[in-house]
Amino acid sequence: MGRYDGSMRMSDPNGPVLGVLVDLTEERMILHTDSTVLGDWRLSELLIRGEDDGFHIRVEGEEAIIQTNDDAGMALELGLRSASPRLRRQMASRNR
């Protein structure tokens, strides 16, 4: 599975934005900064939606929004079945 550079913010649009690395491996999502592991979850624990502003990930009662350097690749790797029109177009283009 892949690793994706990106940014993360909580659902509050005025909150801080963190640079993150999303590591998808062995049915897990590990989210970390350069120095700190922010989370390590089984994919089955996460509710993930592909929206225009990024991946909305709900876990432990909180929602984070993550944008990556390859949203289409991450969506395909996650096996997302529903996504925003923009992300669906990117996924379709990637599959060609």
PDB file of N, CA and C in Angstrom:
ATOM      1  N   MET A   1       0.832  -1.180   0.000  1.00  0.00           N
ATOM      2  CA  MET A   1       0.000   0.000   0.000  1.00  0.00           C
ATOM      3  C   MET A   1       0.877   1.244   0.000  1.00  0.00           C
ATOM      4  N   GLY A   2       0.261   2.408  -0.116  1.00  0.00           N
ATOM      5  CA  GLY A   2       1.012   3.617  -0.390  1.00  0.00           C
ATOM      6  C   GLY A   2       1.206   4.570   0.768  1.00  0.00           C
ATOM      7  N   ARG A   3       2.013   5.559   0.454  1.00  0.00           N
ATOM      8  CA  ARG A   3       2.268   6.669   1.372  1.00  0.00           C
ATOM      9  C   ARG A   3       1.966   7.946   0.607  1.00  0.00           C
ATOM     10  N   TYR A   4       1.278   8.850   1.284  1.00  0.00           N
ATOM     11  CA  TYR A   4       0.817  10.073   0.633  1.00  0.00           C
ATOM     12  C   TYR A   4       1.174  11.274   1.499  1.00  0.00           C
ATOM     13  N   ASP A   5       1.889  12.239   0.902  1.00  0.00           N
ATOM     14  CA  ASP A   5       2.146  13.505   1.580  1.00  0.00           C
ATOM     15  C   ASP A   5       0.895  14.349   1.477  1.00  0.00           C
ATOM     16  N   GLY A   6       0.619  15.107   2.525  1.00  0.00           N
ATOM     17  CA  GLY A   6      -0.567  15.945   2.471  1.00  0.00           C
ATOM     18  C   GLY A   6      -0.665  16.919   3.616  1.00  0.00           C
ATOM     19  N   SER A   7      -1.871  17.407   3.799  1.00  0.00           N
ATOM     20  CA  SER A   7      -2.158  18.329   4.891  1.00  0.00           C
ATOM     21  C   SER A   7      -3.433  17.880   5.573  1.00  0.00           C
ATOM     22  N   MET A   8      -3.555  18.232   6.838  1.00  0.00           N
ATOM     23  CA  MET A   8      -4.720  17.848   7.619  1.00  0.00           C
ATOM     24  C   MET A   8      -5.178  19.015   8.466  1.00  0.00           C
ATOM     25  N   ARG A   9      -6.488  19.119   8.563  1.00  0.00           N
ATOM     26  CA  ARG A   9      -7.081  20.072   9.501  1.00  0.00           C
ATOM     27  C   ARG A   9      -8.313  19.409  10.087  1.00  0.00           C
ATOM     28  N   MET A  10      -8.726  19.881  11.199  1.00  0.00           N
ATOM     29  CA  MET A  10      -9.962  19.387  11.782  1.00  0.00           C
ATOM     30  C   MET A  10     -11.116  20.067  11.048  1.00  0.00           C
ATOM     31  N   SER A  11     -12.336  19.669  11.325  1.00  0.00           N
ATOM     32  CA  SER A  11     -13.477  20.184  10.559  1.00  0.00           C
ATOM     33  C   SER A  11     -13.696  21.683  10.738  1.00  0.00           C
ATOM     34  N   ASP A  12     -13.110  22.297  11.757  1.00  0.00           N
ATOM     35  CA  ASP A  12     -13.189  23.752  11.944  1.00  0.00           C
ATOM     36  C   ASP A  12     -12.366  24.433  10.853  1.00  0.00           C
ATOM     37  N   PRO A  13     -12.997  25.188   9.935  1.00  0.00           N
ATOM     38  CA  PRO A  13     -12.251  25.792   8.831  1.00  0.00           C
ATOM     39  C   PRO A  13     -11.203  26.804   9.274  1.00  0.00           C
ATOM     40  N   ASN A  14     -11.292  27.300  10.493  1.00  0.00           N
ATOM     41  CA  ASN A  14     -10.320  28.279  10.981  1.00  0.00           C
ATOM     42  C   ASN A  14      -9.199  27.634  11.792  1.00  0.00           C
ATOM     43  N   GLY A  15      -9.241  26.322  11.915  1.00  0.00           N
ATOM     44  CA  GLY A  15      -8.229  25.628  12.703  1.00  0.00           C
ATOM     45  C   GLY A  15      -6.896  25.547  11.979  1.00  0.00           C
ATOM     46  N   PRO A  16      -5.846  25.141  12.696  1.00  0.00           N
ATOM     47  CA  PRO A  16      -4.516  25.038  12.082  1.00  0.00           C
ATOM     48  C   PRO A  16      -4.457  23.898  11.060  1.00  0.00           C
ATOM     49  N   VAL A  17      -3.556  24.042  10.121  1.00  0.00           N
ATOM     50  CA  VAL A  17      -3.320  23.022   9.106  1.00  0.00           C
ATOM     51  C   VAL A  17      -1.949  22.409   9.389  1.00  0.00           C
ATOM     52  N   LEU A  18      -1.910  21.073   9.439  1.00  0.00           N
ATOM     53  CA  LEU A  18      -0.659  20.359   9.693  1.00  0.00           C
ATOM     54  C   LEU A  18      -0.204  19.633   8.441  1.00  0.00           C
ATOM     55  N   GLY A  19       1.089  19.625   8.190  1.00  0.00           N
ATOM     56  CA  GLY A  19       1.643  18.766   7.151  1.00  0.00           C
ATOM     57  C   GLY A  19       1.693  17.350   7.690  1.00  0.00           C
ATOM     58  N   VAL A  20       1.191  16.389   6.931  1.00  0.00           N
ATOM     59  CA  VAL A  20       1.133  15.004   7.407  1.00  0.00           C
ATOM     60  C   VAL A  20       1.604  14.045   6.319  1.00  0.00           C
ATOM     61  N   LEU A  21       1.930  12.852   6.768  1.00  0.00           N
ATOM     62  CA  LEU A  21       2.186  11.725   5.893  1.00  0.00           C
ATOM     63  C   LEU A  21       1.135  10.684   6.228  1.00  0.00           C
ATOM     64  N   VAL A  22       0.401  10.227   5.212  1.00  0.00           N
ATOM     65  CA  VAL A  22      -0.613   9.191   5.383  1.00  0.00           C
ATOM     66  C   VAL A  22       0.001   7.895   4.884  1.00  0.00           C
ATOM     67  N   ASP A  23       0.106   6.924   5.764  1.00  0.00           N
ATOM     68  CA  ASP A  23       0.687   5.626   5.435  1.00  0.00           C
ATOM     69  C   ASP A  23      -0.430   4.594   5.475  1.00  0.00           C
ATOM     70  N   LEU A  24      -0.748   4.028   4.319  1.00  0.00           N
ATOM     71  CA  LEU A  24      -1.757   2.977   4.242  1.00  0.00           C
ATOM     72  C   LEU A  24      -1.018   1.655   4.092  1.00  0.00           C
ATOM     73  N   THR A  25      -1.085   0.844   5.120  1.00  0.00           N
ATOM     74  CA  THR A  25      -0.379  -0.425   5.096  1.00  0.00           C
ATOM     75  C   THR A  25      -1.109  -1.464   5.923  1.00  0.00           C
ATOM     76  N   GLU A  26      -1.196  -2.659   5.398  1.00  0.00           N
ATOM     77  CA  GLU A  26      -1.787  -3.779   6.122  1.00  0.00           C
ATOM     78  C   GLU A  26      -3.143  -3.440   6.731  1.00  0.00           C
ATOM     79  N   GLU A  27      -4.019  -2.859   5.913  1.00  0.00           N
ATOM     80  CA  GLU A  27      -5.380  -2.514   6.349  1.00  0.00           C
ATOM     81  C   GLU A  27      -5.412  -1.508   7.499  1.00  0.00           C
ATOM     82  N   ARG A  28      -4.394  -0.649   7.561  1.00  0.00           N
ATOM     83  CA  ARG A  28      -4.314   0.378   8.589  1.00  0.00           C
ATOM     84  C   ARG A  28      -4.028   1.719   7.949  1.00  0.00           C
ATOM     85  N   MET A  29      -4.411   2.786   8.642  1.00  0.00           N
ATOM     86  CA  MET A  29      -4.016   4.138   8.275  1.00  0.00           C
ATOM     87  C   MET A  29      -3.206   4.684   9.440  1.00  0.00           C
ATOM     88  N   ILE A  30      -1.967   5.045   9.130  1.00  0.00           N
ATOM     89  CA  ILE A  30      -1.103   5.671  10.124  1.00  0.00           C
ATOM     90  C   ILE A  30      -0.867   7.092   9.648  1.00  0.00           C
ATOM     91  N   LEU A  31      -1.154   8.026  10.502  1.00  0.00           N
ATOM     92  CA  LEU A  31      -1.078   9.445  10.183  1.00  0.00           C
ATOM     93  C   LEU A  31       0.000  10.060  11.062  1.00  0.00           C
ATOM     94  N   HIS A  32       1.013  10.671  10.439  1.00  0.00           N
ATOM     95  CA  HIS A  32       2.053  11.281  11.269  1.00  0.00           C
ATOM     96  C   HIS A  32       2.641  12.527  10.631  1.00  0.00           C
ATOM     97  N   THR A  33       3.232  13.331  11.504  1.00  0.00           N
ATOM     98  CA  THR A  33       4.004  14.491  11.083  1.00  0.00           C
ATOM     99  C   THR A  33       5.452  14.034  11.025  1.00  0.00           C
ATOM    100  N   ASP A  34       6.367  14.960  10.840  1.00  0.00           N
ATOM    101  CA  ASP A  34       7.783  14.598  10.822  1.00  0.00           C
ATOM    102  C   ASP A  34       8.227  13.929  12.123  1.00  0.00           C
ATOM    103  N   SER A  35       7.624  14.327  13.230  1.00  0.00           N
ATOM    104  CA  SER A  35       8.123  13.850  14.519  1.00  0.00           C
ATOM    105  C   SER A  35       7.108  13.123  15.392  1.00  0.00           C
ATOM    106  N   THR A  36       5.827  13.112  15.009  1.00  0.00           N
ATOM    107  CA  THR A  36       4.798  12.586  15.898  1.00  0.00           C
ATOM    108  C   THR A  36       3.798  11.712  15.138  1.00  0.00           C
ATOM    109  N   VAL A  37       3.450  10.575  15.720  1.00  0.00           N
ATOM    110  CA  VAL A  37       2.360   9.768  15.182  1.00  0.00           C
ATOM    111  C   VAL A  37       1.066  10.361  15.726  1.00  0.00           C
ATOM    112  N   LEU A  38       0.208  10.817  14.820  1.00  0.00           N
ATOM    113  CA  LEU A  38      -1.058  11.426  15.223  1.00  0.00           C
ATOM    114  C   LEU A  38      -2.146  10.379  15.422  1.00  0.00           C
ATOM    115  N   GLY A  39      -2.041   9.262  14.718  1.00  0.00           N
ATOM    116  CA  GLY A  39      -3.040   8.216  14.850  1.00  0.00           C
ATOM    117  C   GLY A  39      -2.638   6.974  14.096  1.00  0.00           C
ATOM    118  N   ASP A  40      -3.127   5.849  14.568  1.00  0.00           N
ATOM    119  CA  ASP A  40      -2.888   4.554  13.943  1.00  0.00           C
ATOM    120  C   ASP A  40      -4.173   3.759  14.112  1.00  0.00           C
ATOM    121  N   TRP A  41      -4.927   3.599  13.015  1.00  0.00           N
ATOM    122  CA  TRP A  41      -6.247   2.974  13.099  1.00  0.00           C
ATOM    123  C   TRP A  41      -6.386   1.878  12.061  1.00  0.00           C
ATOM    124  N   ARG A  42      -7.213   0.898  12.340  1.00  0.00           N
ATOM    125  CA  ARG A  42      -7.641  -0.059  11.334  1.00  0.00           C
ATOM    126  C   ARG A  42      -8.575   0.693  10.382  1.00  0.00           C
ATOM    127  N   LEU A  43      -8.476   0.412   9.102  1.00  0.00           N
ATOM    128  CA  LEU A  43      -9.347   1.091   8.132  1.00  0.00           C
ATOM    129  C   LEU A  43     -10.810   0.843   8.446  1.00  0.00           C
ATOM    130  N   SER A  44     -11.117  -0.309   9.015  1.00  0.00           N
ATOM    131  CA  SER A  44     -12.509  -0.626   9.347  1.00  0.00           C
ATOM    132  C   SER A  44     -13.061   0.267  10.455  1.00  0.00           C
ATOM    133  N   GLU A  45     -12.183   0.961  11.189  1.00  0.00           N
ATOM    134  CA  GLU A  45     -12.622   1.870  12.253  1.00  0.00           C
ATOM    135  C   GLU A  45     -12.978   3.253  11.714  1.00  0.00           C
ATOM    136  N   LEU A  46     -12.617   3.524  10.478  1.00  0.00           N
ATOM    137  CA  LEU A  46     -12.736   4.866   9.920  1.00  0.00           C
ATOM    138  C   LEU A  46     -13.941   4.980   9.002  1.00  0.00           C
ATOM    139  N   LEU A  47     -14.582   6.116   9.044  1.00  0.00           N
ATOM    140  CA  LEU A  47     -15.613   6.469   8.069  1.00  0.00           C
ATOM    141  C   LEU A  47     -14.976   7.525   7.171  1.00  0.00           C
ATOM    142  N   ILE A  48     -14.789   7.191   5.890  1.00  0.00           N
ATOM    143  CA  ILE A  48     -14.058   8.066   4.965  1.00  0.00           C
ATOM    144  C   ILE A  48     -14.965   8.449   3.809  1.00  0.00           C
ATOM    145  N   ARG A  49     -15.058   9.761   3.575  1.00  0.00           N
ATOM    146  CA  ARG A  49     -15.815  10.294   2.438  1.00  0.00           C
ATOM    147  C   ARG A  49     -14.886  11.159   1.591  1.00  0.00           C
ATOM    148  N   GLY A  50     -14.962  10.995   0.294  1.00  0.00           N
ATOM    149  CA  GLY A  50     -14.196  11.845  -0.617  1.00  0.00           C
ATOM    150  C   GLY A  50     -15.029  13.042  -1.014  1.00  0.00           C
ATOM    151  N   GLU A  51     -14.663  14.218  -0.550  1.00  0.00           N
ATOM    152  CA  GLU A  51     -15.404  15.451  -0.842  1.00  0.00           C
ATOM    153  C   GLU A  51     -14.522  16.388  -1.673  1.00  0.00           C
ATOM    154  N   ASP A  52     -15.092  17.512  -2.125  1.00  0.00           N
ATOM    155  CA  ASP A  52     -14.334  18.467  -2.926  1.00  0.00           C
ATOM    156  C   ASP A  52     -13.121  19.031  -2.188  1.00  0.00           C
ATOM    157  N   ASP A  53     -13.223  19.182  -0.889  1.00  0.00           N
ATOM    158  CA  ASP A  53     -12.119  19.778  -0.133  1.00  0.00           C
ATOM    159  C   ASP A  53     -11.184  18.747   0.477  1.00  0.00           C
ATOM    160  N   GLY A  54     -11.330  17.476   0.125  1.00  0.00           N
ATOM    161  CA  GLY A  54     -10.427  16.449   0.627  1.00  0.00           C
ATOM    162  C   GLY A  54     -11.184  15.262   1.191  1.00  0.00           C
ATOM    163  N   PHE A  55     -10.445  14.387   1.848  1.00  0.00           N
ATOM    164  CA  PHE A  55     -11.031  13.217   2.487  1.00  0.00           C
ATOM    165  C   PHE A  55     -11.523  13.609   3.873  1.00  0.00           C
ATOM    166  N   HIS A  56     -12.797  13.408   4.124  1.00  0.00           N
ATOM    167  CA  HIS A  56     -13.355  13.638   5.449  1.00  0.00           C
ATOM    168  C   HIS A  56     -13.282  12.303   6.181  1.00  0.00           C
ATOM    169  N   ILE A  57     -12.495  12.283   7.229  1.00  0.00           N
ATOM    170  CA  ILE A  57     -12.259  11.038   7.960  1.00  0.00           C
ATOM    171  C   ILE A  57     -12.794  11.199   9.361  1.00  0.00           C
ATOM    172  N   ARG A  58     -13.757  10.356   9.696  1.00  0.00           N
ATOM    173  CA  ARG A  58     -14.379  10.393  11.017  1.00  0.00           C
ATOM    174  C   ARG A  58     -13.873   9.214  11.821  1.00  0.00           C
ATOM    175  N   VAL A  59     -13.325   9.531  12.999  1.00  0.00           N
ATOM    176  CA  VAL A  59     -12.808   8.501  13.898  1.00  0.00           C
ATOM    177  C   VAL A  59     -12.874   9.025  15.322  1.00  0.00           C
ATOM    178  N   GLU A  60     -13.240   8.160  16.220  1.00  0.00           N
ATOM    179  CA  GLU A  60     -13.272   8.501  17.651  1.00  0.00           C
ATOM    180  C   GLU A  60     -14.075   9.775  17.917  1.00  0.00           C
ATOM    181  N   GLY A  61     -15.173   9.976  17.184  1.00  0.00           N
ATOM    182  CA  GLY A  61     -16.038  11.118  17.414  1.00  0.00           C
ATOM    183  C   GLY A  61     -15.538  12.437  16.847  1.00  0.00           C
ATOM    184  N   GLU A  62     -14.435  12.435  16.146  1.00  0.00           N
ATOM    185  CA  GLU A  62     -13.865  13.646  15.552  1.00  0.00           C
ATOM    186  C   GLU A  62     -13.822  13.492  14.039  1.00  0.00           C
ATOM    187  N   GLU A  63     -13.779  14.619  13.339  1.00  0.00           N
ATOM    188  CA  GLU A  63     -13.633  14.579  11.890  1.00  0.00           C
ATOM    189  C   GLU A  63     -12.439  15.412  11.474  1.00  0.00           C
ATOM    190  N   ALA A  64     -11.565  14.797  10.685  1.00  0.00           N
ATOM    191  CA  ALA A  64     -10.412  15.483  10.121  1.00  0.00           C
ATOM    192  C   ALA A  64     -10.591  15.534   8.609  1.00  0.00           C
ATOM    193  N   ILE A  65     -10.014  16.540   7.995  1.00  0.00           N
ATOM    194  CA  ILE A  65     -10.052  16.676   6.539  1.00  0.00           C
ATOM    195  C   ILE A  65      -8.606  16.616   6.050  1.00  0.00           C
ATOM    196  N   ILE A  66      -8.362  15.667   5.162  1.00  0.00           N
ATOM    197  CA  ILE A  66      -7.013  15.444   4.656  1.00  0.00           C
ATOM    198  C   ILE A  66      -7.000  15.629   3.148  1.00  0.00           C
ATOM    199  N   GLN A  67      -6.033  16.386   2.667  1.00  0.00           N
ATOM    200  CA  GLN A  67      -5.762  16.521   1.237  1.00  0.00           C
ATOM    201  C   GLN A  67      -4.378  15.937   1.010  1.00  0.00           C
ATOM    202  N   THR A  68      -4.202  15.210  -0.113  1.00  0.00           N
ATOM    203  CA  THR A  68      -2.906  14.592  -0.373  1.00  0.00           C
ATOM    204  C   THR A  68      -2.351  15.023  -1.721  1.00  0.00           C
ATOM    205  N   ASN A  69      -1.124  14.616  -1.965  1.00  0.00           N
ATOM    206  CA  ASN A  69      -0.487  14.880  -3.249  1.00  0.00           C
ATOM    207  C   ASN A  69      -1.048  13.982  -4.349  1.00  0.00           C
ATOM    208  N   ASP A  70      -1.849  12.969  -3.979  1.00  0.00           N
ATOM    209  CA  ASP A  70      -2.447  12.049  -4.951  1.00  0.00           C
ATOM    210  C   ASP A  70      -3.789  11.556  -4.418  1.00  0.00           C
ATOM    211  N   ASP A  71      -4.778  12.449  -4.407  1.00  0.00           N
ATOM    212  CA  ASP A  71      -6.098  12.078  -3.878  1.00  0.00           C
ATOM    213  C   ASP A  71      -6.709  10.905  -4.634  1.00  0.00           C
ATOM    214  N   ALA A  72      -6.559  10.887  -5.961  1.00  0.00           N
ATOM    215  CA  ALA A  72      -7.145   9.800  -6.754  1.00  0.00           C
ATOM    216  C   ALA A  72      -6.504   8.467  -6.406  1.00  0.00           C
ATOM    217  N   GLY A  73      -5.184   8.447  -6.278  1.00  0.00           N
ATOM    218  CA  GLY A  73      -4.487   7.209  -5.918  1.00  0.00           C
ATOM    219  C   GLY A  73      -4.904   6.706  -4.553  1.00  0.00           C
ATOM    220  N   MET A  74      -5.020   7.615  -3.598  1.00  0.00           N
ATOM    221  CA  MET A  74      -5.432   7.207  -2.255  1.00  0.00           C
ATOM    222  C   MET A  74      -6.870   6.704  -2.265  1.00  0.00           C
ATOM    223  N   ALA A  75      -7.758   7.376  -3.001  1.00  0.00           N
ATOM    224  CA  ALA A  75      -9.153   6.943  -3.073  1.00  0.00           C
ATOM    225  C   ALA A  75      -9.252   5.544  -3.673  1.00  0.00           C
ATOM    226  N   LEU A  76      -8.495   5.294  -4.740  1.00  0.00           N
ATOM    227  CA  LEU A  76      -8.510   3.971  -5.358  1.00  0.00           C
ATOM    228  C   LEU A  76      -7.951   2.922  -4.406  1.00  0.00           C
ATOM    229  N   GLU A  77      -6.887   3.259  -3.721  1.00  0.00           N
ATOM    230  CA  GLU A  77      -6.293   2.317  -2.763  1.00  0.00           C
ATOM    231  C   GLU A  77      -7.248   2.001  -1.617  1.00  0.00           C
ATOM    232  N   LEU A  78      -7.995   3.001  -1.179  1.00  0.00           N
ATOM    233  CA  LEU A  78      -8.960   2.793  -0.110  1.00  0.00           C
ATOM    234  C   LEU A  78     -10.206   2.060  -0.603  1.00  0.00           C
ATOM    235  N   GLY A  79     -10.397   2.021  -1.917  1.00  0.00           N
ATOM    236  CA  GLY A  79     -11.585   1.385  -2.475  1.00  0.00           C
ATOM    237  C   GLY A  79     -12.848   2.194  -2.258  1.00  0.00           C
ATOM    238  N   LEU A  80     -12.715   3.528  -2.261  1.00  0.00           N
ATOM    239  CA  LEU A  80     -13.886   4.375  -2.073  1.00  0.00           C
ATOM    240  C   LEU A  80     -14.888   4.136  -3.179  1.00  0.00           C
ATOM    241  N   ARG A  81     -16.123   3.982  -2.816  1.00  0.00           N
ATOM    242  CA  ARG A  81     -17.184   3.730  -3.785  1.00  0.00           C
ATOM    243  C   ARG A  81     -17.967   5.003  -4.104  1.00  0.00           C
ATOM    244  N   SER A  82     -17.935   5.979  -3.221  1.00  0.00           N
ATOM    245  CA  SER A  82     -18.609   7.242  -3.494  1.00  0.00           C
ATOM    246  C   SER A  82     -17.628   8.372  -3.217  1.00  0.00           C
ATOM    247  N   ALA A  83     -17.681   9.355  -4.087  1.00  0.00           N
ATOM    248  CA  ALA A  83     -16.769  10.491  -3.961  1.00  0.00           C
ATOM    249  C   ALA A  83     -17.403  11.676  -4.673  1.00  0.00           C
ATOM    250  N   SER A  84     -16.821  12.837  -4.455  1.00  0.00           N
ATOM    251  CA  SER A  84     -17.291  14.046  -5.138  1.00  0.00           C
ATOM    252  C   SER A  84     -17.058  13.886  -6.642  1.00  0.00           C
ATOM    253  N   PRO A  85     -17.789  14.643  -7.450  1.00  0.00           N
ATOM    254  CA  PRO A  85     -17.582  14.560  -8.908  1.00  0.00           C
ATOM    255  C   PRO A  85     -16.126  14.803  -9.315  1.00  0.00           C
ATOM    256  N   ARG A  86     -15.484  15.779  -8.686  1.00  0.00           N
ATOM    257  CA  ARG A  86     -14.080  16.072  -9.004  1.00  0.00           C
ATOM    258  C   ARG A  86     -13.201  14.868  -8.748  1.00  0.00           C
ATOM    259  N   LEU A  87     -13.357  14.238  -7.600  1.00  0.00           N
ATOM    260  CA  LEU A  87     -12.535  13.092  -7.253  1.00  0.00           C
ATOM    261  C   LEU A  87     -12.877  11.889  -8.138  1.00  0.00           C
ATOM    262  N   ARG A  88     -14.140  11.708  -8.472  1.00  0.00           N
ATOM    263  CA  ARG A  88     -14.520  10.606  -9.372  1.00  0.00           C
ATOM    264  C   ARG A  88     -13.859  10.768 -10.734  1.00  0.00           C
ATOM    265  N   ARG A  89     -13.815  12.011 -11.250  1.00  0.00           N
ATOM    266  CA  ARG A  89     -13.139  12.255 -12.536  1.00  0.00           C
ATOM    267  C   ARG A  89     -11.655  11.926 -12.436  1.00  0.00           C
ATOM    268  N   GLN A  90     -11.020  12.324 -11.342  1.00  0.00           N
ATOM    269  CA  GLN A  90      -9.600  12.025 -11.164  1.00  0.00           C
ATOM    270  C   GLN A  90      -9.363  10.512 -11.081  1.00  0.00           C
ATOM    271  N   MET A  91     -10.245   9.810 -10.375  1.00  0.00           N
ATOM    272  CA  MET A  91     -10.125   8.363 -10.242  1.00  0.00           C
ATOM    273  C   MET A  91     -10.291   7.688 -11.601  1.00  0.00           C
ATOM    274  N   ALA A  92     -11.273   8.141 -12.384  1.00  0.00           N
ATOM    275  CA  ALA A  92     -11.515   7.559 -13.714  1.00  0.00           C
ATOM    276  C   ALA A  92     -10.320   7.801 -14.629  1.00  0.00           C
ATOM    277  N   SER A  93      -9.769   9.004 -14.569  1.00  0.00           N
ATOM    278  CA  SER A  93      -8.605   9.325 -15.384  1.00  0.00           C
ATOM    279  C   SER A  93      -7.425   8.450 -14.994  1.00  0.00           C
ATOM    280  N   ARG A  94      -7.270   8.215 -13.729  1.00  0.00           N
ATOM    281  CA  ARG A  94      -6.167   7.387 -13.222  1.00  0.00           C
ATOM    282  C   ARG A  94      -6.307   5.937 -13.666  1.00  0.00           C
ATOM    283  N   ASN A  95      -7.539   5.455 -13.807  1.00  0.00           N
ATOM    284  CA  ASN A  95      -7.777   4.067 -14.208  1.00  0.00           C
ATOM    285  C   ASN A  95      -7.582   3.826 -15.689  1.00  0.00           C
ATOM    286  N   ARG A  96      -7.510   4.891 -16.489  1.00  0.00           N
ATOM    287  CA  ARG A  96      -7.358   4.725 -17.955  1.00  0.00           C
ATOM    288  C   ARG A  96      -5.967   4.351 -18.319  1.00  0.00           C
TER     289      ARG A  96
END
